[in-house]
Every structure is written in structure tokens, then in C-alpha cells.
PDB file of N, CA and C in Angstrom:
ATOM      1  N   MET A   1     360.970  37.681 183.897  1.00  0.00           N
ATOM      2  CA  MET A   1     360.206  38.832 183.505  1.00  0.00           C
ATOM      3  C   MET A   1     359.924  38.720 182.026  1.00  0.00           C
ATOM      4  N   ASN A   2     358.821  38.115 181.735  1.00  0.00           N
ATOM      5  CA  ASN A   2     358.456  37.860 180.352  1.00  0.00           C
ATOM      6  C   ASN A   2     357.814  39.086 179.730  1.00  0.00           C
ATOM      7  N   ASP A   3     358.194  39.384 178.525  1.00  0.00           N
ATOM      8  CA  ASP A   3     357.621  40.499 177.789  1.00  0.00           C
ATOM      9  C   ASP A   3     356.967  39.925 176.553  1.00  0.00           C
ATOM     10  N   GLN A   4     355.751  39.420 176.706  1.00  0.00           N
ATOM     11  CA  GLN A   4     355.084  38.720 175.620  1.00  0.00           C
ATOM     12  C   GLN A   4     354.549  39.661 174.559  1.00  0.00           C
ATOM     13  N   SER A   5     354.245  40.901 174.917  1.00  0.00           N
ATOM     14  CA  SER A   5     353.660  41.818 173.948  1.00  0.00           C
ATOM     15  C   SER A   5     354.701  42.508 173.077  1.00  0.00           C
ATOM     16  N   GLY A   6     355.971  42.439 173.479  1.00  0.00           N
ATOM     17  CA  GLY A   6     357.024  43.092 172.707  1.00  0.00           C
ATOM     18  C   GLY A   6     357.225  44.537 173.092  1.00  0.00           C
ATOM     19  N   SER A   7     356.363  45.088 173.954  1.00  0.00           N
ATOM     20  CA  SER A   7     356.520  46.475 174.385  1.00  0.00           C
ATOM     21  C   SER A   7     357.220  46.518 175.736  1.00  0.00           C
ATOM     22  N   ASN A   8     357.586  47.715 176.167  1.00  0.00           N
ATOM     23  CA  ASN A   8     358.247  47.896 177.451  1.00  0.00           C
ATOM     24  C   ASN A   8     357.286  47.497 178.566  1.00  0.00           C
ATOM     25  N   PRO A   9     357.636  46.483 179.383  1.00  0.00           N
ATOM     26  CA  PRO A   9     356.722  46.067 180.446  1.00  0.00           C
ATOM     27  C   PRO A   9     356.633  47.101 181.567  1.00  0.00           C
ATOM     28  N   PHE A  10     357.559  48.044 181.613  1.00  0.00           N
ATOM     29  CA  PHE A  10     357.558  49.072 182.648  1.00  0.00           C
ATOM     30  C   PHE A  10     356.976  50.354 182.063  1.00  0.00           C
ATOM     31  N   ASP A  11     355.678  50.338 181.790  1.00  0.00           N
ATOM     32  CA  ASP A  11     355.060  51.487 181.147  1.00  0.00           C
ATOM     33  C   ASP A  11     354.471  52.481 182.152  1.00  0.00           C
ATOM     34  N   GLY A  12     354.634  52.188 183.448  1.00  0.00           N
ATOM     35  CA  GLY A  12     354.183  53.109 184.493  1.00  0.00           C
ATOM     36  C   GLY A  12     355.297  54.072 184.844  1.00  0.00           C
ATOM     37  N   PRO A  13     355.215  54.654 186.034  1.00  0.00           N
ATOM     38  CA  PRO A  13     356.252  55.600 186.462  1.00  0.00           C
ATOM     39  C   PRO A  13     357.637  54.957 186.452  1.00  0.00           C
ATOM     40  N   GLN A  14     358.611  55.684 185.982  1.00  0.00           N
ATOM     41  CA  GLN A  14     359.989  55.214 185.978  1.00  0.00           C
ATOM     42  C   GLN A  14     360.609  55.610 187.307  1.00  0.00           C
ATOM     43  N   MET A  15     360.900  54.616 188.164  1.00  0.00           N
ATOM     44  CA  MET A  15     361.359  54.895 189.518  1.00  0.00           C
ATOM     45  C   MET A  15     362.762  54.373 189.774  1.00  0.00           C
ATOM     46  N   GLN A  16     363.508  54.101 188.703  1.00  0.00           N
ATOM     47  CA  GLN A  16     364.873  53.632 188.896  1.00  0.00           C
ATOM     48  C   GLN A  16     365.702  54.725 189.568  1.00  0.00           C
ATOM     49  N   GLY A  17     366.580  54.281 190.461  1.00  0.00           N
ATOM     50  CA  GLY A  17     367.455  55.216 191.152  1.00  0.00           C
ATOM     51  C   GLY A  17     366.788  55.972 192.299  1.00  0.00           C
ATOM     52  N   THR A  18     365.529  55.704 192.567  1.00  0.00           N
ATOM     53  CA  THR A  18     364.814  56.389 193.640  1.00  0.00           C
ATOM     54  C   THR A  18     365.339  55.935 195.002  1.00  0.00           C
ATOM     55  N   ARG A  19     365.352  56.851 195.961  1.00  0.00           N
ATOM     56  CA  ARG A  19     365.822  56.552 197.318  1.00  0.00           C
ATOM     57  C   ARG A  19     364.616  56.572 198.255  1.00  0.00           C
ATOM     58  N   TYR A  20     364.402  55.449 198.957  1.00  0.00           N
ATOM     59  CA  TYR A  20     363.315  55.331 199.928  1.00  0.00           C
ATOM     60  C   TYR A  20     363.954  55.250 201.311  1.00  0.00           C
ATOM     61  N   GLU A  21     363.916  56.344 202.050  1.00  0.00           N
ATOM     62  CA  GLU A  21     364.608  56.421 203.329  1.00  0.00           C
ATOM     63  C   GLU A  21     363.611  56.681 204.453  1.00  0.00           C
ATOM     64  N   ARG A  22     363.766  55.916 205.562  1.00  0.00           N
ATOM     65  CA  ARG A  22     362.916  56.020 206.742  1.00  0.00           C
ATOM     66  C   ARG A  22     361.438  55.946 206.387  1.00  0.00           C
ATOM     67  N   ALA A  23     361.115  55.097 205.432  1.00  0.00           N
ATOM     68  CA  ALA A  23     359.738  54.960 204.979  1.00  0.00           C
ATOM     69  C   ALA A  23     359.132  53.673 205.506  1.00  0.00           C
ATOM     70  N   ASP A  24     357.862  53.726 205.884  1.00  0.00           N
ATOM     71  CA  ASP A  24     357.125  52.522 206.232  1.00  0.00           C
ATOM     72  C   ASP A  24     356.317  52.142 205.005  1.00  0.00           C
ATOM     73  N   MET A  25     356.809  51.142 204.304  1.00  0.00           N
ATOM     74  CA  MET A  25     356.184  50.688 203.069  1.00  0.00           C
ATOM     75  C   MET A  25     355.608  49.293 203.252  1.00  0.00           C
ATOM     76  N   SER A  26     355.179  48.981 204.475  1.00  0.00           N
ATOM     77  CA  SER A  26     354.601  47.672 204.776  1.00  0.00           C
ATOM     78  C   SER A  26     353.429  47.403 203.842  1.00  0.00           C
ATOM     79  N   GLY A  27     353.431  46.212 203.257  1.00  0.00           N
ATOM     80  CA  GLY A  27     352.335  45.817 202.384  1.00  0.00           C
ATOM     81  C   GLY A  27     352.332  46.476 201.020  1.00  0.00           C
ATOM     82  N   ALA A  28     353.371  47.246 200.695  1.00  0.00           N
ATOM     83  CA  ALA A  28     353.432  47.907 199.381  1.00  0.00           C
ATOM     84  C   ALA A  28     353.421  46.856 198.271  1.00  0.00           C
ATOM     85  N   ASN A  29     352.846  47.201 197.145  1.00  0.00           N
ATOM     86  CA  ASN A  29     352.766  46.303 196.004  1.00  0.00           C
ATOM     87  C   ASN A  29     353.452  46.956 194.808  1.00  0.00           C
ATOM     88  N   PHE A  30     354.619  46.420 194.429  1.00  0.00           N
ATOM     89  CA  PHE A  30     355.344  46.898 193.263  1.00  0.00           C
ATOM     90  C   PHE A  30     355.108  45.891 192.147  1.00  0.00           C
ATOM     91  N   ASP A  31     354.279  46.226 191.189  1.00  0.00           N
ATOM     92  CA  ASP A  31     353.914  45.306 190.124  1.00  0.00           C
ATOM     93  C   ASP A  31     354.353  45.898 188.783  1.00  0.00           C
ATOM     94  N   CYS A  32     355.297  45.226 188.146  1.00  0.00           N
ATOM     95  CA  CYS A  32     355.790  45.637 186.833  1.00  0.00           C
ATOM     96  C   CYS A  32     356.410  47.038 186.889  1.00  0.00           C
ATOM     97  N   VAL A  33     357.310  47.217 187.877  1.00  0.00           N
ATOM     98  CA  VAL A  33     357.930  48.521 188.117  1.00  0.00           C
ATOM     99  C   VAL A  33     359.437  48.422 187.874  1.00  0.00           C
ATOM    100  N   ASN A  34     359.999  49.455 187.307  1.00  0.00           N
ATOM    101  CA  ASN A  34     361.438  49.527 187.116  1.00  0.00           C
ATOM    102  C   ASN A  34     362.039  50.247 188.322  1.00  0.00           C
ATOM    103  N   LEU A  35     362.667  49.465 189.225  1.00  0.00           N
ATOM    104  CA  LEU A  35     363.309  50.007 190.415  1.00  0.00           C
ATOM    105  C   LEU A  35     364.808  49.751 190.394  1.00  0.00           C
ATOM    106  N   ALA A  36     365.374  49.604 189.203  1.00  0.00           N
ATOM    107  CA  ALA A  36     366.813  49.378 189.081  1.00  0.00           C
ATOM    108  C   ALA A  36     367.562  50.510 189.762  1.00  0.00           C
ATOM    109  N   ASP A  37     368.613  50.165 190.483  1.00  0.00           N
ATOM    110  CA  ASP A  37     369.455  51.128 191.197  1.00  0.00           C
ATOM    111  C   ASP A  37     368.735  51.882 192.321  1.00  0.00           C
ATOM    112  N   ALA A  38     367.544  51.442 192.713  1.00  0.00           N
ATOM    113  CA  ALA A  38     366.830  52.086 193.821  1.00  0.00           C
ATOM    114  C   ALA A  38     367.544  51.780 195.130  1.00  0.00           C
ATOM    115  N   ARG A  39     367.359  52.643 196.119  1.00  0.00           N
ATOM    116  CA  ARG A  39     367.952  52.477 197.446  1.00  0.00           C
ATOM    117  C   ARG A  39     366.832  52.419 198.464  1.00  0.00           C
ATOM    118  N   PHE A  40     366.773  51.299 199.204  1.00  0.00           N
ATOM    119  CA  PHE A  40     365.731  51.100 200.203  1.00  0.00           C
ATOM    120  C   PHE A  40     366.348  51.095 201.593  1.00  0.00           C
ATOM    121  N   TYR A  41     365.921  52.008 202.430  1.00  0.00           N
ATOM    122  CA  TYR A  41     366.252  52.058 203.852  1.00  0.00           C
ATOM    123  C   TYR A  41     364.891  52.180 204.533  1.00  0.00           C
ATOM    124  N   ALA A  42     364.128  51.069 204.549  1.00  0.00           N
ATOM    125  CA  ALA A  42     362.715  51.163 204.874  1.00  0.00           C
ATOM    126  C   ALA A  42     362.173  49.888 205.498  1.00  0.00           C
ATOM    127  N   VAL A  43     360.961  49.992 205.997  1.00  0.00           N
ATOM    128  CA  VAL A  43     360.215  48.829 206.453  1.00  0.00           C
ATOM    129  C   VAL A  43     359.379  48.354 205.269  1.00  0.00           C
ATOM    130  N   LEU A  44     359.624  47.123 204.854  1.00  0.00           N
ATOM    131  CA  LEU A  44     358.935  46.547 203.697  1.00  0.00           C
ATOM    132  C   LEU A  44     358.285  45.210 204.057  1.00  0.00           C
ATOM    133  N   THR A  45     357.813  45.078 205.305  1.00  0.00           N
ATOM    134  CA  THR A  45     357.182  43.826 205.699  1.00  0.00           C
ATOM    135  C   THR A  45     355.973  43.553 204.812  1.00  0.00           C
ATOM    136  N   ASN A  46     355.884  42.305 204.383  1.00  0.00           N
ATOM    137  CA  ASN A  46     354.780  41.829 203.540  1.00  0.00           C
ATOM    138  C   ASN A  46     354.650  42.583 202.220  1.00  0.00           C
ATOM    139  N   ALA A  47     355.715  43.259 201.791  1.00  0.00           N
ATOM    140  CA  ALA A  47     355.690  43.934 200.488  1.00  0.00           C
ATOM    141  C   ALA A  47     355.733  42.884 199.382  1.00  0.00           C
ATOM    142  N   LYS A  48     355.209  43.247 198.217  1.00  0.00           N
ATOM    143  CA  LYS A  48     355.217  42.351 197.065  1.00  0.00           C
ATOM    144  C   LYS A  48     355.921  43.035 195.906  1.00  0.00           C
ATOM    145  N   PHE A  49     356.902  42.325 195.362  1.00  0.00           N
ATOM    146  CA  PHE A  49     357.619  42.775 194.168  1.00  0.00           C
ATOM    147  C   PHE A  49     357.311  41.757 193.092  1.00  0.00           C
ATOM    148  N   ILE A  50     356.510  42.124 192.108  1.00  0.00           N
ATOM    149  CA  ILE A  50     356.077  41.191 191.073  1.00  0.00           C
ATOM    150  C   ILE A  50     356.462  41.771 189.718  1.00  0.00           C
ATOM    151  N   ASP A  51     357.136  40.943 188.893  1.00  0.00           N
ATOM    152  CA  ASP A  51     357.578  41.381 187.560  1.00  0.00           C
ATOM    153  C   ASP A  51     358.314  42.722 187.656  1.00  0.00           C
ATOM    154  N   THR A  52     359.254  42.788 188.576  1.00  0.00           N
ATOM    155  CA  THR A  52     359.917  44.051 188.898  1.00  0.00           C
ATOM    156  C   THR A  52     361.419  43.965 188.649  1.00  0.00           C
ATOM    157  N   ASP A  53     361.985  45.028 188.125  1.00  0.00           N
ATOM    158  CA  ASP A  53     363.431  45.105 187.925  1.00  0.00           C
ATOM    159  C   ASP A  53     364.057  45.763 189.146  1.00  0.00           C
ATOM    160  N   LEU A  54     364.798  44.968 189.933  1.00  0.00           N
ATOM    161  CA  LEU A  54     365.519  45.459 191.097  1.00  0.00           C
ATOM    162  C   LEU A  54     367.022  45.306 190.892  1.00  0.00           C
ATOM    163  N   GLY A  55     367.451  45.254 189.627  1.00  0.00           N
ATOM    164  CA  GLY A  55     368.870  45.116 189.325  1.00  0.00           C
ATOM    165  C   GLY A  55     369.673  46.228 189.969  1.00  0.00           C
ATOM    166  N   LYS A  56     370.741  45.856 190.674  1.00  0.00           N
ATOM    167  CA  LYS A  56     371.643  46.778 191.363  1.00  0.00           C
ATOM    168  C   LYS A  56     370.947  47.604 192.440  1.00  0.00           C
ATOM    169  N   ALA A  57     369.781  47.154 192.898  1.00  0.00           N
ATOM    170  CA  ALA A  57     369.112  47.844 194.001  1.00  0.00           C
ATOM    171  C   ALA A  57     369.881  47.588 195.286  1.00  0.00           C
ATOM    172  N   ASP A  58     369.736  48.486 196.237  1.00  0.00           N
ATOM    173  CA  ASP A  58     370.414  48.382 197.523  1.00  0.00           C
ATOM    174  C   ASP A  58     369.366  48.377 198.624  1.00  0.00           C
ATOM    175  N   PHE A  59     369.297  47.257 199.359  1.00  0.00           N
ATOM    176  CA  PHE A  59     368.411  47.128 200.512  1.00  0.00           C
ATOM    177  C   PHE A  59     369.313  47.149 201.741  1.00  0.00           C
ATOM    178  N   ASP A  60     369.305  48.219 202.508  1.00  0.00           N
ATOM    179  CA  ASP A  60     370.174  48.327 203.676  1.00  0.00           C
ATOM    180  C   ASP A  60     369.344  48.728 204.891  1.00  0.00           C
ATOM    181  N   ASP A  61     369.538  47.987 205.985  1.00  0.00           N
ATOM    182  CA  ASP A  61     368.807  48.242 207.212  1.00  0.00           C
ATOM    183  C   ASP A  61     367.311  48.210 206.948  1.00  0.00           C
ATOM    184  N   VAL A  62     366.866  47.113 206.325  1.00  0.00           N
ATOM    185  CA  VAL A  62     365.461  46.969 205.946  1.00  0.00           C
ATOM    186  C   VAL A  62     364.826  45.781 206.650  1.00  0.00           C
ATOM    187  N   ASN A  63     363.517  45.847 206.769  1.00  0.00           N
ATOM    188  CA  ASN A  63     362.734  44.730 207.273  1.00  0.00           C
ATOM    189  C   ASN A  63     361.916  44.203 206.109  1.00  0.00           C
ATOM    190  N   LEU A  64     362.319  43.044 205.592  1.00  0.00           N
ATOM    191  CA  LEU A  64     361.630  42.397 204.477  1.00  0.00           C
ATOM    192  C   LEU A  64     360.910  41.133 204.934  1.00  0.00           C
ATOM    193  N   ALA A  65     360.597  41.046 206.235  1.00  0.00           N
ATOM    194  CA  ALA A  65     359.922  39.865 206.759  1.00  0.00           C
ATOM    195  C   ALA A  65     358.603  39.653 206.030  1.00  0.00           C
ATOM    196  N   GLY A  66     358.403  38.457 205.527  1.00  0.00           N
ATOM    197  CA  GLY A  66     357.169  38.122 204.836  1.00  0.00           C
ATOM    198  C   GLY A  66     357.040  38.716 203.445  1.00  0.00           C
ATOM    199  N   ALA A  67     358.101  39.369 202.954  1.00  0.00           N
ATOM    200  CA  ALA A  67     358.044  39.964 201.608  1.00  0.00           C
ATOM    201  C   ALA A  67     357.992  38.861 200.562  1.00  0.00           C
ATOM    202  N   ARG A  68     357.494  39.210 199.396  1.00  0.00           N
ATOM    203  CA  ARG A  68     357.357  38.247 198.308  1.00  0.00           C
ATOM    204  C   ARG A  68     358.012  38.819 197.059  1.00  0.00           C
ATOM    205  N   PHE A  69     358.861  38.010 196.428  1.00  0.00           N
ATOM    206  CA  PHE A  69     359.522  38.389 195.186  1.00  0.00           C
ATOM    207  C   PHE A  69     359.131  37.370 194.124  1.00  0.00           C
ATOM    208  N   ASP A  70     358.385  37.779 193.113  1.00  0.00           N
ATOM    209  CA  ASP A  70     357.972  36.891 192.031  1.00  0.00           C
ATOM    210  C   ASP A  70     358.442  37.466 190.704  1.00  0.00           C
ATOM    211  N   ASN A  71     359.245  36.684 189.998  1.00  0.00           N
ATOM    212  CA  ASN A  71     359.707  37.066 188.665  1.00  0.00           C
ATOM    213  C   ASN A  71     360.389  38.437 188.691  1.00  0.00           C
ATOM    214  N   VAL A  72     361.403  38.554 189.547  1.00  0.00           N
ATOM    215  CA  VAL A  72     362.130  39.816 189.661  1.00  0.00           C
ATOM    216  C   VAL A  72     363.586  39.642 189.251  1.00  0.00           C
ATOM    217  N   ASN A  73     364.185  40.734 188.842  1.00  0.00           N
ATOM    218  CA  ASN A  73     365.603  40.773 188.546  1.00  0.00           C
ATOM    219  C   ASN A  73     366.296  41.388 189.746  1.00  0.00           C
ATOM    220  N   LEU A  74     367.132  40.595 190.437  1.00  0.00           N
ATOM    221  CA  LEU A  74     367.918  41.083 191.568  1.00  0.00           C
ATOM    222  C   LEU A  74     369.408  41.018 191.257  1.00  0.00           C
ATOM    223  N   SER A  75     369.773  40.918 189.979  1.00  0.00           N
ATOM    224  CA  SER A  75     371.187  40.806 189.645  1.00  0.00           C
ATOM    225  C   SER A  75     371.935  42.061 190.067  1.00  0.00           C
ATOM    226  N   GLY A  76     373.019  41.854 190.781  1.00  0.00           N
ATOM    227  CA  GLY A  76     373.832  42.957 191.252  1.00  0.00           C
ATOM    228  C   GLY A  76     373.253  43.685 192.452  1.00  0.00           C
ATOM    229  N   ALA A  77     372.118  43.222 192.967  1.00  0.00           N
ATOM    230  CA  ALA A  77     371.510  43.866 194.138  1.00  0.00           C
ATOM    231  C   ALA A  77     372.287  43.491 195.396  1.00  0.00           C
ATOM    232  N   ALA A  78     372.183  44.330 196.415  1.00  0.00           N
ATOM    233  CA  ALA A  78     372.825  44.058 197.704  1.00  0.00           C
ATOM    234  C   ALA A  78     371.775  44.151 198.796  1.00  0.00           C
ATOM    235  N   VAL A  79     371.818  43.173 199.725  1.00  0.00           N
ATOM    236  CA  VAL A  79     370.925  43.162 200.870  1.00  0.00           C
ATOM    237  C   VAL A  79     371.806  43.070 202.109  1.00  0.00           C
ATOM    238  N   THR A  80     371.816  44.124 202.940  1.00  0.00           N
ATOM    239  CA  THR A  80     372.643  44.151 204.143  1.00  0.00           C
ATOM    240  C   THR A  80     371.798  44.599 205.332  1.00  0.00           C
ATOM    241  N   ASN A  81     372.166  44.077 206.507  1.00  0.00           N
ATOM    242  CA  ASN A  81     371.464  44.439 207.743  1.00  0.00           C
ATOM    243  C   ASN A  81     369.953  44.335 207.569  1.00  0.00           C
ATOM    244  N   ALA A  82     369.497  43.149 207.156  1.00  0.00           N
ATOM    245  CA  ALA A  82     368.091  42.982 206.815  1.00  0.00           C
ATOM    246  C   ALA A  82     367.440  41.843 207.594  1.00  0.00           C
ATOM    247  N   ASN A  83     366.153  41.986 207.834  1.00  0.00           N
ATOM    248  CA  ASN A  83     365.340  40.914 208.383  1.00  0.00           C
ATOM    249  C   ASN A  83     364.634  40.246 207.209  1.00  0.00           C
ATOM    250  N   LEU A  84     365.010  38.997 206.931  1.00  0.00           N
ATOM    251  CA  LEU A  84     364.410  38.239 205.839  1.00  0.00           C
ATOM    252  C   LEU A  84     363.632  37.038 206.372  1.00  0.00           C
ATOM    253  N   SER A  85     363.106  37.144 207.597  1.00  0.00           N
ATOM    254  CA  SER A  85     362.347  36.050 208.191  1.00  0.00           C
ATOM    255  C   SER A  85     361.182  35.653 207.290  1.00  0.00           C
ATOM    256  N   ARG A  86     360.934  34.358 207.262  1.00  0.00           N
ATOM    257  CA  ARG A  86     359.827  33.776 206.486  1.00  0.00           C
ATOM    258  C   ARG A  86     359.969  34.008 204.979  1.00  0.00           C
ATOM    259  N   LEU A  87     361.184  34.228 204.518  1.00  0.00           N
ATOM    260  CA  LEU A  87     361.447  34.426 203.098  1.00  0.00           C
ATOM    261  C   LEU A  87     361.429  33.081 202.389  1.00  0.00           C
ATOM    262  N   THR A  88     360.779  33.014 201.263  1.00  0.00           N
ATOM    263  CA  THR A  88     360.791  31.823 200.423  1.00  0.00           C
ATOM    264  C   THR A  88     361.430  32.194 199.100  1.00  0.00           C
ATOM    265  N   ILE A  89     362.436  31.410 198.725  1.00  0.00           N
ATOM    266  CA  ILE A  89     363.117  31.619 197.451  1.00  0.00           C
ATOM    267  C   ILE A  89     362.863  30.380 196.604  1.00  0.00           C
ATOM    268  N   SER A  90     362.317  30.559 195.423  1.00  0.00           N
ATOM    269  CA  SER A  90     361.976  29.426 194.571  1.00  0.00           C
ATOM    270  C   SER A  90     362.218  29.783 193.111  1.00  0.00           C
ATOM    271  N   GLY A  91     362.774  28.836 192.365  1.00  0.00           N
ATOM    272  CA  GLY A  91     362.988  29.043 190.935  1.00  0.00           C
ATOM    273  C   GLY A  91     363.902  30.220 190.652  1.00  0.00           C
ATOM    274  N   VAL A  92     364.992  30.341 191.404  1.00  0.00           N
ATOM    275  CA  VAL A  92     365.883  31.488 191.257  1.00  0.00           C
ATOM    276  C   VAL A  92     367.247  31.054 190.741  1.00  0.00           C
ATOM    277  N   THR A  93     367.979  32.005 190.214  1.00  0.00           N
ATOM    278  CA  THR A  93     369.370  31.808 189.840  1.00  0.00           C
ATOM    279  C   THR A  93     370.221  32.533 190.864  1.00  0.00           C
ATOM    280  N   LEU A  94     371.139  31.804 191.497  1.00  0.00           N
ATOM    281  CA  LEU A  94     372.003  32.390 192.514  1.00  0.00           C
ATOM    282  C   LEU A  94     373.468  32.345 192.095  1.00  0.00           C
ATOM    283  N   VAL A  95     373.726  32.406 190.792  1.00  0.00           N
ATOM    284  CA  VAL A  95     375.081  32.361 190.273  1.00  0.00           C
ATOM    285  C   VAL A  95     375.900  33.504 190.865  1.00  0.00           C
ATOM    286  N   ASP A  96     377.071  33.171 191.392  1.00  0.00           N
ATOM    287  CA  ASP A  96     378.011  34.139 191.960  1.00  0.00           C
ATOM    288  C   ASP A  96     377.438  34.955 193.115  1.00  0.00           C
ATOM    289  N   SER A  97     376.437  34.410 193.821  1.00  0.00           N
ATOM    290  CA  SER A  97     375.892  35.086 194.998  1.00  0.00           C
ATOM    291  C   SER A  97     376.789  34.811 196.190  1.00  0.00           C
ATOM    292  N   ASP A  98     376.748  35.697 197.171  1.00  0.00           N
ATOM    293  CA  ASP A  98     377.590  35.578 198.351  1.00  0.00           C
ATOM    294  C   ASP A  98     376.758  35.894 199.582  1.00  0.00           C
ATOM    295  N   ILE A  99     376.698  34.940 200.531  1.00  0.00           N
ATOM    296  CA  ILE A  99     375.980  35.145 201.784  1.00  0.00           C
ATOM    297  C   ILE A  99     377.015  35.107 202.895  1.00  0.00           C
ATOM    298  N   ARG A 100     377.065  36.193 203.690  1.00  0.00           N
ATOM    299  CA  ARG A 100     378.042  36.285 204.775  1.00  0.00           C
ATOM    300  C   ARG A 100     377.366  36.762 206.055  1.00  0.00           C
ATOM    301  N   ASP A 101     377.947  36.362 207.193  1.00  0.00           N
ATOM    302  CA  ASP A 101     377.502  36.837 208.502  1.00  0.00           C
ATOM    303  C   ASP A 101     375.989  36.743 208.660  1.00  0.00           C
ATOM    304  N   ALA A 102     375.423  35.575 208.353  1.00  0.00           N
ATOM    305  CA  ALA A 102     373.976  35.394 208.395  1.00  0.00           C
ATOM    306  C   ALA A 102     373.573  34.406 209.485  1.00  0.00           C
ATOM    307  N   ASP A 103     372.465  34.670 210.153  1.00  0.00           N
ATOM    308  CA  ASP A 103     371.869  33.720 211.085  1.00  0.00           C
ATOM    309  C   ASP A 103     371.008  32.788 210.244  1.00  0.00           C
ATOM    310  N   LEU A 104     371.440  31.542 210.098  1.00  0.00           N
ATOM    311  CA  LEU A 104     370.769  30.583 209.233  1.00  0.00           C
ATOM    312  C   LEU A 104     369.922  29.581 210.021  1.00  0.00           C
ATOM    313  N   THR A 105     369.568  29.922 211.242  1.00  0.00           N
ATOM    314  CA  THR A 105     368.783  29.037 212.089  1.00  0.00           C
ATOM    315  C   THR A 105     367.467  28.659 211.397  1.00  0.00           C
ATOM    316  N   GLY A 106     367.265  27.378 211.217  1.00  0.00           N
ATOM    317  CA  GLY A 106     366.037  26.883 210.611  1.00  0.00           C
ATOM    318  C   GLY A 106     365.973  26.992 209.101  1.00  0.00           C
ATOM    319  N   MET A 107     366.984  27.571 208.465  1.00  0.00           N
ATOM    320  CA  MET A 107     366.980  27.712 207.007  1.00  0.00           C
ATOM    321  C   MET A 107     367.163  26.362 206.346  1.00  0.00           C
ATOM    322  N   ARG A 108     366.402  26.123 205.301  1.00  0.00           N
ATOM    323  CA  ARG A 108     366.476  24.873 204.553  1.00  0.00           C
ATOM    324  C   ARG A 108     366.735  25.160 203.076  1.00  0.00           C
ATOM    325  N   ILE A 109     367.511  24.277 202.475  1.00  0.00           N
ATOM    326  CA  ILE A 109     367.707  24.291 201.030  1.00  0.00           C
ATOM    327  C   ILE A 109     367.256  22.926 200.536  1.00  0.00           C
ATOM    328  N   ASN A 110     366.266  22.921 199.672  1.00  0.00           N
ATOM    329  CA  ASN A 110     365.678  21.682 199.170  1.00  0.00           C
ATOM    330  C   ASN A 110     365.315  20.735 200.309  1.00  0.00           C
ATOM    331  N   GLY A 111     364.779  21.295 201.389  1.00  0.00           N
ATOM    332  CA  GLY A 111     364.305  20.509 202.518  1.00  0.00           C
ATOM    333  C   GLY A 111     365.355  20.118 203.539  1.00  0.00           C
ATOM    334  N   VAL A 112     366.623  20.423 203.293  1.00  0.00           N
ATOM    335  CA  VAL A 112     367.706  20.041 204.197  1.00  0.00           C
ATOM    336  C   VAL A 112     368.138  21.263 205.002  1.00  0.00           C
ATOM    337  N   LEU A 113     368.238  21.084 206.320  1.00  0.00           N
ATOM    338  CA  LEU A 113     368.702  22.186 207.160  1.00  0.00           C
ATOM    339  C   LEU A 113     370.114  22.599 206.756  1.00  0.00           C
ATOM    340  N   VAL A 114     370.325  23.874 206.597  1.00  0.00           N
ATOM    341  CA  VAL A 114     371.637  24.386 206.208  1.00  0.00           C
ATOM    342  C   VAL A 114     372.676  24.046 207.277  1.00  0.00           C
ATOM    343  N   THR A 115     372.282  24.097 208.550  1.00  0.00           N
ATOM    344  CA  THR A 115     373.222  23.751 209.612  1.00  0.00           C
ATOM    345  C   THR A 115     373.686  22.302 209.466  1.00  0.00           C
ATOM    346  N   ASP A 116     372.806  21.419 209.021  1.00  0.00           N
ATOM    347  CA  ASP A 116     373.199  20.024 208.774  1.00  0.00           C
ATOM    348  C   ASP A 116     374.167  19.931 207.591  1.00  0.00           C
ATOM    349  N   LEU A 117     373.943  20.748 206.583  1.00  0.00           N
ATOM    350  CA  LEU A 117     374.851  20.761 205.424  1.00  0.00           C
ATOM    351  C   LEU A 117     376.245  21.209 205.840  1.00  0.00           C
ATOM    352  N   PHE A 118     376.310  22.260 206.656  1.00  0.00           N
ATOM    353  CA  PHE A 118     377.608  22.738 207.134  1.00  0.00           C
ATOM    354  C   PHE A 118     378.301  21.689 207.987  1.00  0.00           C
ATOM    355  N   GLU A 119     377.541  21.007 208.835  1.00  0.00           N
ATOM    356  CA  GLU A 119     378.117  19.962 209.681  1.00  0.00           C
ATOM    357  C   GLU A 119     378.686  18.835 208.819  1.00  0.00           C
ATOM    358  N   ALA A 120     377.950  18.420 207.795  1.00  0.00           N
ATOM    359  CA  ALA A 120     378.427  17.367 206.901  1.00  0.00           C
ATOM    360  C   ALA A 120     379.684  17.820 206.146  1.00  0.00           C
ATOM    361  N   TYR A 121     379.707  19.083 205.742  1.00  0.00           N
ATOM    362  CA  TYR A 121     380.861  19.646 205.051  1.00  0.00           C
ATOM    363  C   TYR A 121     382.090  19.592 205.950  1.00  0.00           C
ATOM    364  N   GLU A 122     381.930  20.023 207.194  1.00  0.00           N
ATOM    365  CA  GLU A 122     383.064  20.020 208.142  1.00  0.00           C
ATOM    366  C   GLU A 122     383.561  18.591 208.397  1.00  0.00           C
ATOM    367  N   GLN A 123     382.654  17.632 208.494  1.00  0.00           N
ATOM    368  CA  GLN A 123     383.039  16.243 208.697  1.00  0.00           C
ATOM    369  C   GLN A 123     383.782  15.688 207.475  1.00  0.00           C
ATOM    370  N   ALA A 124     383.335  16.079 206.297  1.00  0.00           N
ATOM    371  CA  ALA A 124     383.968  15.614 205.070  1.00  0.00           C
ATOM    372  C   ALA A 124     385.383  16.158 204.925  1.00  0.00           C
ATOM    373  N   LYS A 125     385.633  17.364 205.458  1.00  0.00           N
ATOM    374  CA  LYS A 125     386.957  17.965 205.388  1.00  0.00           C
ATOM    375  C   LYS A 125     387.941  17.267 206.318  1.00  0.00           C
ATOM    376  N   SER A 126     387.432  16.663 207.390  1.00  0.00           N
ATOM    377  CA  SER A 126     388.317  16.035 208.399  1.00  0.00           C
ATOM    378  C   SER A 126     388.901  14.733 207.914  1.00  0.00           C
TER     379      SER A 126
END
């Protein structure tokens, strides 16, 4: 999230801490929005988050299929009970991230199937 002008890049509505519950926000476009600490319990298929602060946001029981995240802050965010089908993650920092209880069918990291990585890991341990 580059701030080349030196001013606050979030000069629109301040929506941090907002709760979006039972909302159909399919195709919504969040561009340069401060949504830190926001709570999403919504349908967000094909939504776009561009230059957006989602630090400590909570996505619970959401559909983010086909969503796009470009130049966003997700530090401290939580994603639970979510559909992330067709998600592409590129140029991200995943320091201290934790993925649990996930269906990783077909998921690739740098072109390698994650299931193959796990299989190689298990073989290496033996």
C-alpha cells in the first residue's frame, strides 16, 4: 500500500470496525478503503479489495470465491469457514500464518501440488 503523495490514502469514508452481516456483497469493489477490524459474515464472490487495509479483519462464514486482493494489509486477519475457491495469492508475506483444517485439493504453491509436498514430507520423515 504505497502512499506516494504523503497524504492519508484512505480519504474516503472511514469504515474500520464495521460489521457486515448477512449481506450479499458479490462484486463489491473496495478501493483504497480502511476496513481494519471490520467483521464480514457475507457473500463476497468476485469482490475486489484494492489498496485496502484489512488488518485484524474477521472473515467468518464467508464466500470469497473469485475474490481479488491487490496490495492489501491482512496482518492479524482471520479467515474461518470460508470458500476461497479460485483464489490466487501472489507477492504476499505469510510470516507466522497458520492454515488448519483446510481442503487443499488442487492447491499449488509455486506450481507444485500441496498434496505432493505433504507426501514428500511424510516420506522424508520415515
